[in-house]
C-alpha cells in the first residue's frame, strides 16, 4: 500500500461522519461509588471540515438537551484535541488530547466535577461500518483508579 500523505491521523474520525442513532447510558451520580444508571436515546450527526483536520459532532438527547463535540488535529504533534459544549450551560469544557492506536482512540485531560478536580478519559472503540462505542471515565485520585460514567453506543442510520 502506498503511503498517503495524510496517514498522520488527521482522518481518524472519518468513521463517525454521518447520521447515527445513539443509546446513552449515564451513571446517575458520579464520584461517590454509585451504581445506578439511566438510559436514554438520542441522535447524532458528524461532519468533517478542512479535509479531516476538524470535525463537529452534534448530539440531540431524548427528552431535550443538546451537546456538541468539536475536534481538531494538531498536524505537527499528530494529536487530537476534543472540546465539549452542553446546551445546559453553553460553556466550552477543557479539552482532552489523544490519538488512535490499533483502532482504539484514547483522549485524556483535566477538568472539574462538582468542584473536585478530575482527570477525564474519552475512549473510542468497537468501531465498525455501522457501529461505534464512546465512553467517558473520571479519576478523582490523579489517574490511579477510573470510574466509567457515560457510554454512548452508536448505530449508523444514514
N, C-alpha and C. Protein backbone atom coordinates (compact mmCIF):
# COMPACT_ATOMS: atom_id res chain seq x y z
N UNK A 1 0.85 -1.18 0.00
CA UNK A 1 0.00 0.00 0.00
C UNK A 1 0.89 1.24 0.00
N UNK A 2 0.62 2.15 -0.89
CA UNK A 2 1.39 3.38 -0.98
C UNK A 2 1.07 4.29 0.21
N UNK A 3 2.07 5.01 0.65
CA UNK A 3 1.89 5.93 1.77
C UNK A 3 1.01 7.10 1.34
N UNK A 4 0.01 7.40 2.13
CA UNK A 4 -0.87 8.55 1.92
C UNK A 4 -0.31 9.68 2.78
N UNK A 5 -0.13 10.84 2.20
CA UNK A 5 0.43 11.98 2.93
C UNK A 5 -0.40 12.34 4.16
N UNK A 6 -1.62 11.80 4.22
CA UNK A 6 -2.49 12.12 5.36
C UNK A 6 -2.68 10.93 6.30
N UNK A 7 -1.77 9.97 6.26
CA UNK A 7 -1.83 8.85 7.21
C UNK A 7 -1.27 9.26 8.56
N UNK A 8 -1.24 10.53 8.83
CA UNK A 8 -0.70 11.04 10.09
C UNK A 8 -1.73 11.04 11.21
N UNK A 9 -2.98 10.67 10.91
CA UNK A 9 -4.03 10.63 11.92
C UNK A 9 -5.15 11.62 11.70
N UNK A 10 -4.96 12.56 10.80
CA UNK A 10 -5.97 13.61 10.62
C UNK A 10 -7.31 13.08 10.12
N UNK A 11 -7.34 11.89 9.60
CA UNK A 11 -8.61 11.33 9.09
C UNK A 11 -9.17 10.26 10.02
N UNK A 12 -8.66 10.17 11.22
CA UNK A 12 -9.08 9.13 12.16
C UNK A 12 -10.58 9.12 12.46
N UNK A 13 -11.22 10.27 12.43
CA UNK A 13 -12.64 10.34 12.79
C UNK A 13 -13.59 10.20 11.60
N UNK A 14 -13.07 9.86 10.43
CA UNK A 14 -13.95 9.70 9.26
C UNK A 14 -15.02 8.64 9.49
N UNK A 15 -14.72 7.64 10.30
CA UNK A 15 -15.72 6.60 10.59
C UNK A 15 -16.99 7.18 11.18
N UNK A 16 -16.89 8.34 11.80
CA UNK A 16 -18.01 8.93 12.53
C UNK A 16 -18.86 9.87 11.67
N UNK A 17 -18.40 10.22 10.48
CA UNK A 17 -19.14 11.13 9.62
C UNK A 17 -20.50 10.52 9.28
N UNK A 18 -21.54 11.34 9.36
CA UNK A 18 -22.88 10.90 9.00
C UNK A 18 -23.83 10.94 10.18
N UNK A 19 -24.95 10.24 10.00
CA UNK A 19 -26.04 10.25 11.00
C UNK A 19 -26.07 8.94 11.77
N UNK A 20 -26.38 9.06 13.07
CA UNK A 20 -26.37 7.92 13.96
C UNK A 20 -27.55 7.96 14.94
N UNK A 21 -28.05 6.79 15.29
CA UNK A 21 -28.91 6.63 16.47
C UNK A 21 -27.95 6.30 17.61
N UNK A 22 -28.21 6.88 18.76
CA UNK A 22 -27.28 6.69 19.89
C UNK A 22 -28.05 6.24 21.12
N UNK A 23 -27.58 5.17 21.74
CA UNK A 23 -28.11 4.70 23.01
C UNK A 23 -27.14 5.17 24.09
N UNK A 24 -27.66 5.97 25.01
CA UNK A 24 -26.85 6.53 26.10
C UNK A 24 -27.07 5.74 27.38
N UNK A 25 -26.00 5.59 28.12
CA UNK A 25 -26.06 5.00 29.46
C UNK A 25 -25.19 5.88 30.35
N UNK A 26 -25.82 6.57 31.31
CA UNK A 26 -25.10 7.51 32.18
C UNK A 26 -25.27 7.13 33.64
N UNK A 27 -24.17 7.19 34.36
CA UNK A 27 -24.21 6.99 35.80
C UNK A 27 -25.01 8.14 36.40
N UNK A 28 -25.97 7.84 37.27
CA UNK A 28 -26.83 8.90 37.81
C UNK A 28 -26.09 9.85 38.74
N UNK A 29 -25.10 9.33 39.47
CA UNK A 29 -24.30 10.17 40.37
C UNK A 29 -22.84 9.75 40.22
N UNK A 30 -21.99 10.72 39.90
CA UNK A 30 -20.57 10.42 39.68
C UNK A 30 -19.75 10.64 40.95
N UNK A 31 -18.68 9.86 41.04
CA UNK A 31 -17.67 10.11 42.07
C UNK A 31 -18.02 9.73 43.48
N UNK A 32 -19.07 8.92 43.67
CA UNK A 32 -19.47 8.52 45.02
C UNK A 32 -19.65 7.01 45.13
N UNK A 33 -19.21 6.27 44.11
CA UNK A 33 -19.35 4.82 44.14
C UNK A 33 -20.74 4.31 43.82
N UNK A 34 -21.58 5.16 43.23
CA UNK A 34 -22.93 4.74 42.88
C UNK A 34 -22.91 3.74 41.73
N UNK A 35 -23.96 2.95 41.64
CA UNK A 35 -24.05 2.00 40.52
C UNK A 35 -25.40 2.06 39.83
N UNK A 36 -26.13 3.15 39.99
CA UNK A 36 -27.41 3.34 39.31
C UNK A 36 -27.18 4.09 38.01
N UNK A 37 -27.73 3.55 36.93
CA UNK A 37 -27.56 4.14 35.61
C UNK A 37 -28.90 4.55 35.04
N UNK A 38 -28.89 5.61 34.24
CA UNK A 38 -30.07 5.98 33.45
C UNK A 38 -29.74 5.71 31.99
N UNK A 39 -30.76 5.31 31.24
CA UNK A 39 -30.58 5.04 29.82
C UNK A 39 -31.58 5.85 29.02
N UNK A 40 -31.12 6.36 27.88
CA UNK A 40 -31.98 7.15 27.01
C UNK A 40 -31.41 7.13 25.60
N UNK A 41 -32.22 7.52 24.64
CA UNK A 41 -31.81 7.53 23.24
C UNK A 41 -31.50 8.94 22.78
N UNK A 42 -30.84 9.01 21.66
CA UNK A 42 -30.53 10.29 21.04
C UNK A 42 -30.15 10.07 19.59
N UNK A 43 -29.85 11.17 18.94
CA UNK A 43 -29.35 11.12 17.56
C UNK A 43 -28.12 12.00 17.48
N UNK A 44 -27.28 11.67 16.49
CA UNK A 44 -26.02 12.39 16.34
C UNK A 44 -25.72 12.56 14.86
N UNK A 45 -25.06 13.68 14.54
CA UNK A 45 -24.59 13.93 13.19
C UNK A 45 -23.19 14.50 13.27
N UNK A 46 -22.26 13.91 12.51
CA UNK A 46 -20.88 14.38 12.50
C UNK A 46 -20.49 14.77 11.08
N UNK A 47 -19.86 15.93 11.00
CA UNK A 47 -19.41 16.47 9.71
C UNK A 47 -17.93 16.81 9.80
N UNK A 48 -17.19 16.38 8.79
CA UNK A 48 -15.78 16.72 8.71
C UNK A 48 -15.57 18.08 8.09
N UNK A 49 -14.49 18.73 8.46
CA UNK A 49 -14.13 20.04 7.94
C UNK A 49 -12.65 20.04 7.59
N UNK A 50 -12.26 20.87 6.65
CA UNK A 50 -10.86 21.08 6.30
C UNK A 50 -10.14 19.76 5.98
N UNK A 51 -10.78 18.93 5.15
CA UNK A 51 -10.22 17.65 4.72
C UNK A 51 -9.82 16.77 5.90
N UNK A 52 -10.63 16.81 6.96
CA UNK A 52 -10.41 15.93 8.09
C UNK A 52 -9.66 16.54 9.26
N UNK A 53 -9.09 17.72 9.10
CA UNK A 53 -8.36 18.34 10.21
C UNK A 53 -9.26 18.70 11.38
N UNK A 54 -10.54 18.92 11.11
CA UNK A 54 -11.52 19.24 12.15
C UNK A 54 -12.80 18.47 11.86
N UNK A 55 -13.61 18.30 12.89
CA UNK A 55 -14.96 17.78 12.70
C UNK A 55 -15.84 18.27 13.83
N UNK A 56 -17.13 18.27 13.56
CA UNK A 56 -18.13 18.71 14.53
C UNK A 56 -19.17 17.61 14.66
N UNK A 57 -19.44 17.22 15.89
CA UNK A 57 -20.46 16.20 16.19
C UNK A 57 -21.56 16.86 17.00
N UNK A 58 -22.77 16.87 16.44
CA UNK A 58 -23.92 17.47 17.13
C UNK A 58 -24.82 16.35 17.66
N UNK A 59 -25.12 16.41 18.95
CA UNK A 59 -25.96 15.41 19.61
C UNK A 59 -27.25 16.02 20.11
N UNK A 60 -28.34 15.31 19.90
CA UNK A 60 -29.66 15.68 20.43
C UNK A 60 -30.11 14.54 21.34
N UNK A 61 -30.47 14.88 22.57
CA UNK A 61 -30.82 13.88 23.57
C UNK A 61 -32.33 13.77 23.73
N UNK A 62 -32.81 12.53 23.88
CA UNK A 62 -34.21 12.28 24.15
C UNK A 62 -34.63 13.06 25.39
N UNK A 63 -35.78 13.71 25.33
CA UNK A 63 -36.26 14.49 26.47
C UNK A 63 -35.68 15.89 26.52
N UNK A 64 -34.86 16.25 25.54
CA UNK A 64 -34.31 17.60 25.49
C UNK A 64 -32.82 17.64 25.78
N UNK A 65 -32.24 18.70 25.38
CA UNK A 65 -30.82 18.90 25.59
C UNK A 65 -30.02 18.54 24.36
N UNK A 66 -28.90 19.23 24.23
CA UNK A 66 -28.00 19.01 23.11
C UNK A 66 -26.56 19.11 23.59
N UNK A 67 -25.67 18.59 22.77
CA UNK A 67 -24.25 18.71 23.04
C UNK A 67 -23.49 18.71 21.73
N UNK A 68 -22.36 19.38 21.73
CA UNK A 68 -21.52 19.45 20.54
C UNK A 68 -20.09 19.11 20.94
N UNK A 69 -19.48 18.21 20.15
CA UNK A 69 -18.05 17.94 20.28
C UNK A 69 -17.37 18.59 19.08
N UNK A 70 -16.33 19.35 19.36
CA UNK A 70 -15.51 19.93 18.29
C UNK A 70 -14.12 19.33 18.42
N UNK A 71 -13.64 18.73 17.33
CA UNK A 71 -12.33 18.08 17.34
C UNK A 71 -11.43 18.75 16.32
N UNK A 72 -10.16 18.93 16.70
CA UNK A 72 -9.18 19.48 15.76
C UNK A 72 -7.88 18.69 15.91
N UNK A 73 -7.18 18.58 14.79
CA UNK A 73 -5.96 17.76 14.72
C UNK A 73 -4.74 18.65 14.61
N UNK A 74 -3.80 18.49 15.53
CA UNK A 74 -2.52 19.19 15.52
C UNK A 74 -1.57 18.39 14.63
N UNK A 75 -1.32 18.90 13.43
CA UNK A 75 -0.52 18.17 12.44
C UNK A 75 0.89 17.91 12.95
N UNK A 76 1.53 18.90 13.55
CA UNK A 76 2.92 18.75 14.00
C UNK A 76 3.05 17.68 15.09
N UNK A 77 2.12 17.66 16.03
CA UNK A 77 2.19 16.69 17.13
C UNK A 77 1.41 15.41 16.86
N UNK A 78 0.65 15.40 15.76
CA UNK A 78 -0.22 14.27 15.40
C UNK A 78 -1.11 13.89 16.58
N UNK A 79 -1.81 14.91 17.09
CA UNK A 79 -2.59 14.78 18.31
C UNK A 79 -3.94 15.47 18.13
N UNK A 80 -5.00 14.79 18.54
CA UNK A 80 -6.34 15.38 18.51
C UNK A 80 -6.62 16.13 19.81
N UNK A 81 -7.37 17.23 19.70
CA UNK A 81 -7.97 17.87 20.88
C UNK A 81 -9.47 17.82 20.68
N UNK A 82 -10.19 17.53 21.76
CA UNK A 82 -11.65 17.43 21.71
C UNK A 82 -12.22 18.37 22.76
N UNK A 83 -13.13 19.22 22.32
CA UNK A 83 -13.83 20.15 23.21
C UNK A 83 -15.31 19.79 23.22
N UNK A 84 -15.97 19.91 24.36
CA UNK A 84 -17.39 19.60 24.51
C UNK A 84 -18.14 20.85 24.96
N UNK A 85 -19.32 21.04 24.39
CA UNK A 85 -20.21 22.12 24.79
C UNK A 85 -21.59 21.52 25.03
N UNK A 86 -22.16 21.76 26.20
CA UNK A 86 -23.50 21.28 26.55
C UNK A 86 -24.50 22.43 26.46
N UNK A 87 -25.71 22.11 26.01
CA UNK A 87 -26.75 23.13 25.98
C UNK A 87 -27.18 23.53 27.40
N UNK A 88 -26.80 22.75 28.40
CA UNK A 88 -27.15 23.08 29.79
C UNK A 88 -26.51 24.38 30.24
N UNK A 89 -25.27 24.66 29.76
CA UNK A 89 -24.61 25.89 30.19
C UNK A 89 -23.95 26.66 29.04
N UNK A 90 -23.79 26.04 27.87
CA UNK A 90 -23.21 26.72 26.71
C UNK A 90 -21.71 26.96 26.82
N UNK A 91 -21.05 26.39 27.81
CA UNK A 91 -19.63 26.64 28.03
C UNK A 91 -18.78 25.58 27.32
N UNK A 92 -17.67 26.00 26.76
CA UNK A 92 -16.71 25.09 26.16
C UNK A 92 -15.89 24.49 27.30
N UNK A 93 -15.97 23.17 27.43
CA UNK A 93 -15.25 22.48 28.51
C UNK A 93 -13.76 22.35 28.16
N UNK A 94 -12.90 22.17 29.15
CA UNK A 94 -11.48 21.97 28.87
C UNK A 94 -11.28 20.77 27.94
N UNK A 95 -10.31 20.84 27.06
CA UNK A 95 -10.12 19.76 26.08
C UNK A 95 -9.49 18.50 26.68
N UNK A 96 -9.72 17.41 25.96
CA UNK A 96 -8.95 16.19 26.17
C UNK A 96 -8.08 16.01 24.92
N UNK A 97 -6.95 15.33 25.08
CA UNK A 97 -5.99 15.17 23.99
C UNK A 97 -5.64 13.69 23.82
N UNK A 98 -5.43 13.28 22.58
CA UNK A 98 -5.02 11.90 22.36
C UNK A 98 -5.00 11.52 20.90
N UNK A 99 -4.96 10.22 20.68
CA UNK A 99 -4.86 9.68 19.31
C UNK A 99 -5.40 8.26 19.29
N UNK A 100 -5.50 7.74 18.08
CA UNK A 100 -5.90 6.35 17.87
C UNK A 100 -4.66 5.48 17.70
N UNK A 101 -4.71 4.30 18.31
CA UNK A 101 -3.69 3.28 18.11
C UNK A 101 -4.39 1.94 18.05
N UNK A 102 -4.10 1.18 17.01
CA UNK A 102 -4.70 -0.14 16.83
C UNK A 102 -6.22 -0.10 16.90
N UNK A 103 -6.83 0.93 16.31
CA UNK A 103 -8.27 1.02 16.22
C UNK A 103 -8.99 1.52 17.46
N UNK A 104 -8.24 1.93 18.48
CA UNK A 104 -8.83 2.46 19.71
C UNK A 104 -8.30 3.86 19.94
N UNK A 105 -9.22 4.80 20.20
CA UNK A 105 -8.83 6.17 20.49
C UNK A 105 -8.93 6.45 21.97
N UNK A 106 -7.87 6.99 22.55
CA UNK A 106 -7.85 7.35 23.97
C UNK A 106 -7.44 8.82 24.07
N UNK A 107 -8.23 9.59 24.82
CA UNK A 107 -8.05 11.04 24.92
C UNK A 107 -8.21 11.42 26.39
N UNK A 108 -7.24 12.15 26.94
CA UNK A 108 -7.28 12.48 28.36
C UNK A 108 -7.02 13.96 28.59
N UNK A 109 -7.55 14.45 29.71
CA UNK A 109 -7.35 15.83 30.09
C UNK A 109 -7.77 16.04 31.53
N UNK A 110 -7.73 17.30 31.95
CA UNK A 110 -8.09 17.67 33.32
C UNK A 110 -9.33 18.55 33.30
N UNK A 111 -10.17 18.40 34.32
CA UNK A 111 -11.41 19.17 34.42
C UNK A 111 -11.78 19.28 35.89
N UNK A 112 -12.97 19.78 36.15
CA UNK A 112 -13.52 19.88 37.50
C UNK A 112 -14.93 19.29 37.45
N UNK A 113 -15.28 18.47 38.44
CA UNK A 113 -16.60 17.87 38.53
C UNK A 113 -17.16 18.16 39.92
N UNK A 114 -18.19 18.99 39.97
CA UNK A 114 -18.79 19.34 41.26
C UNK A 114 -17.80 19.98 42.20
N UNK A 115 -16.89 20.79 41.66
CA UNK A 115 -15.89 21.46 42.48
C UNK A 115 -14.65 20.63 42.77
N UNK A 116 -14.63 19.38 42.34
CA UNK A 116 -13.49 18.49 42.56
C UNK A 116 -12.67 18.36 41.28
N UNK A 117 -11.35 18.49 41.37
CA UNK A 117 -10.54 18.26 40.18
C UNK A 117 -10.63 16.79 39.76
N UNK A 118 -10.72 16.56 38.44
CA UNK A 118 -10.78 15.21 37.91
C UNK A 118 -9.90 15.09 36.68
N UNK A 119 -9.42 13.89 36.45
CA UNK A 119 -8.84 13.54 35.17
C UNK A 119 -9.98 12.92 34.36
N UNK A 120 -10.02 13.26 33.08
CA UNK A 120 -11.09 12.80 32.20
C UNK A 120 -10.47 11.93 31.11
N UNK A 121 -11.15 10.83 30.80
CA UNK A 121 -10.70 9.96 29.70
C UNK A 121 -11.89 9.67 28.79
N UNK A 122 -11.71 9.96 27.49
CA UNK A 122 -12.65 9.54 26.46
C UNK A 122 -12.01 8.35 25.76
N UNK A 123 -12.83 7.38 25.39
CA UNK A 123 -12.33 6.20 24.68
C UNK A 123 -13.28 5.85 23.54
N UNK A 124 -12.74 5.71 22.35
CA UNK A 124 -13.48 5.24 21.18
C UNK A 124 -13.02 3.83 20.87
N UNK A 125 -13.97 2.88 20.77
CA UNK A 125 -13.64 1.51 20.41
C UNK A 125 -14.86 0.87 19.74
N UNK A 126 -14.76 -0.40 19.44
CA UNK A 126 -15.87 -1.09 18.79
C UNK A 126 -16.26 -0.49 17.45
N UNK A 127 -15.30 0.07 16.76
CA UNK A 127 -15.57 0.80 15.53
C UNK A 127 -15.73 -0.18 14.37
N UNK A 128 -16.89 -0.11 13.72
CA UNK A 128 -17.20 -0.96 12.57
C UNK A 128 -17.97 -0.11 11.57
N UNK A 129 -18.34 -0.70 10.43
CA UNK A 129 -19.03 0.06 9.37
C UNK A 129 -20.30 0.72 9.88
N UNK A 130 -21.05 0.06 10.73
CA UNK A 130 -22.32 0.63 11.18
C UNK A 130 -22.44 0.81 12.67
N UNK A 131 -21.31 0.81 13.38
CA UNK A 131 -21.38 0.91 14.84
C UNK A 131 -20.09 1.50 15.39
N UNK A 132 -20.20 2.08 16.57
CA UNK A 132 -19.04 2.58 17.30
C UNK A 132 -19.46 2.76 18.76
N UNK A 133 -18.47 2.81 19.63
CA UNK A 133 -18.74 2.99 21.06
C UNK A 133 -17.81 4.07 21.59
N UNK A 134 -18.40 4.98 22.38
CA UNK A 134 -17.64 6.02 23.06
C UNK A 134 -17.93 5.87 24.55
N UNK A 135 -16.91 6.08 25.38
CA UNK A 135 -17.14 6.07 26.83
C UNK A 135 -16.32 7.19 27.47
N UNK A 136 -16.83 7.62 28.61
CA UNK A 136 -16.16 8.64 29.40
C UNK A 136 -15.92 8.08 30.80
N UNK A 137 -14.73 8.33 31.34
CA UNK A 137 -14.41 7.92 32.70
C UNK A 137 -13.72 9.09 33.40
N UNK A 138 -13.95 9.18 34.72
CA UNK A 138 -13.30 10.20 35.54
C UNK A 138 -12.41 9.51 36.57
N UNK A 139 -11.31 10.16 36.91
CA UNK A 139 -10.46 9.73 38.00
C UNK A 139 -10.38 10.87 39.00
N UNK A 140 -10.72 10.58 40.23
CA UNK A 140 -10.68 11.58 41.30
C UNK A 140 -9.40 11.46 42.13
N UNK A 141 -8.52 10.52 41.74
CA UNK A 141 -7.29 10.29 42.51
C UNK A 141 -6.04 10.39 41.63
N UNK A 142 -6.09 11.29 40.65
CA UNK A 142 -4.91 11.53 39.84
C UNK A 142 -4.60 10.46 38.81
N UNK A 143 -5.57 9.62 38.48
CA UNK A 143 -5.38 8.59 37.46
C UNK A 143 -5.09 7.21 37.99
N UNK A 144 -5.14 7.03 39.31
CA UNK A 144 -4.90 5.69 39.87
C UNK A 144 -6.08 4.77 39.60
N UNK A 145 -7.29 5.27 39.78
CA UNK A 145 -8.50 4.48 39.51
C UNK A 145 -9.43 5.33 38.64
N UNK A 146 -10.25 4.64 37.86
CA UNK A 146 -11.17 5.31 36.94
C UNK A 146 -12.58 4.81 37.15
N UNK A 147 -13.55 5.73 37.04
CA UNK A 147 -14.97 5.39 37.12
C UNK A 147 -15.62 5.75 35.78
N UNK A 148 -16.05 4.73 35.05
CA UNK A 148 -16.78 4.99 33.81
C UNK A 148 -18.14 5.54 34.19
N UNK A 149 -18.53 6.67 33.54
CA UNK A 149 -19.78 7.31 33.93
C UNK A 149 -20.72 7.63 32.78
N UNK A 150 -20.29 7.39 31.54
CA UNK A 150 -21.17 7.65 30.40
C UNK A 150 -20.69 6.78 29.25
N UNK A 151 -21.64 6.07 28.62
CA UNK A 151 -21.35 5.24 27.46
C UNK A 151 -22.35 5.60 26.37
N UNK A 152 -21.85 5.79 25.16
CA UNK A 152 -22.71 6.05 24.00
C UNK A 152 -22.46 4.96 22.98
N UNK A 153 -23.51 4.23 22.62
CA UNK A 153 -23.42 3.18 21.61
C UNK A 153 -24.06 3.70 20.33
N UNK A 154 -23.26 3.84 19.28
CA UNK A 154 -23.68 4.44 18.02
C UNK A 154 -24.08 3.35 17.01
N UNK A 155 -25.22 3.56 16.34
CA UNK A 155 -25.66 2.71 15.24
C UNK A 155 -25.98 3.62 14.06
N UNK A 156 -25.31 3.37 12.95
CA UNK A 156 -25.47 4.24 11.76
C UNK A 156 -26.90 4.18 11.23
N UNK A 157 -27.43 5.36 10.88
CA UNK A 157 -28.77 5.43 10.28
C UNK A 157 -28.71 5.93 8.85
N UNK A 158 -27.69 6.68 8.49
CA UNK A 158 -27.55 7.19 7.12
C UNK A 158 -26.12 7.60 6.87
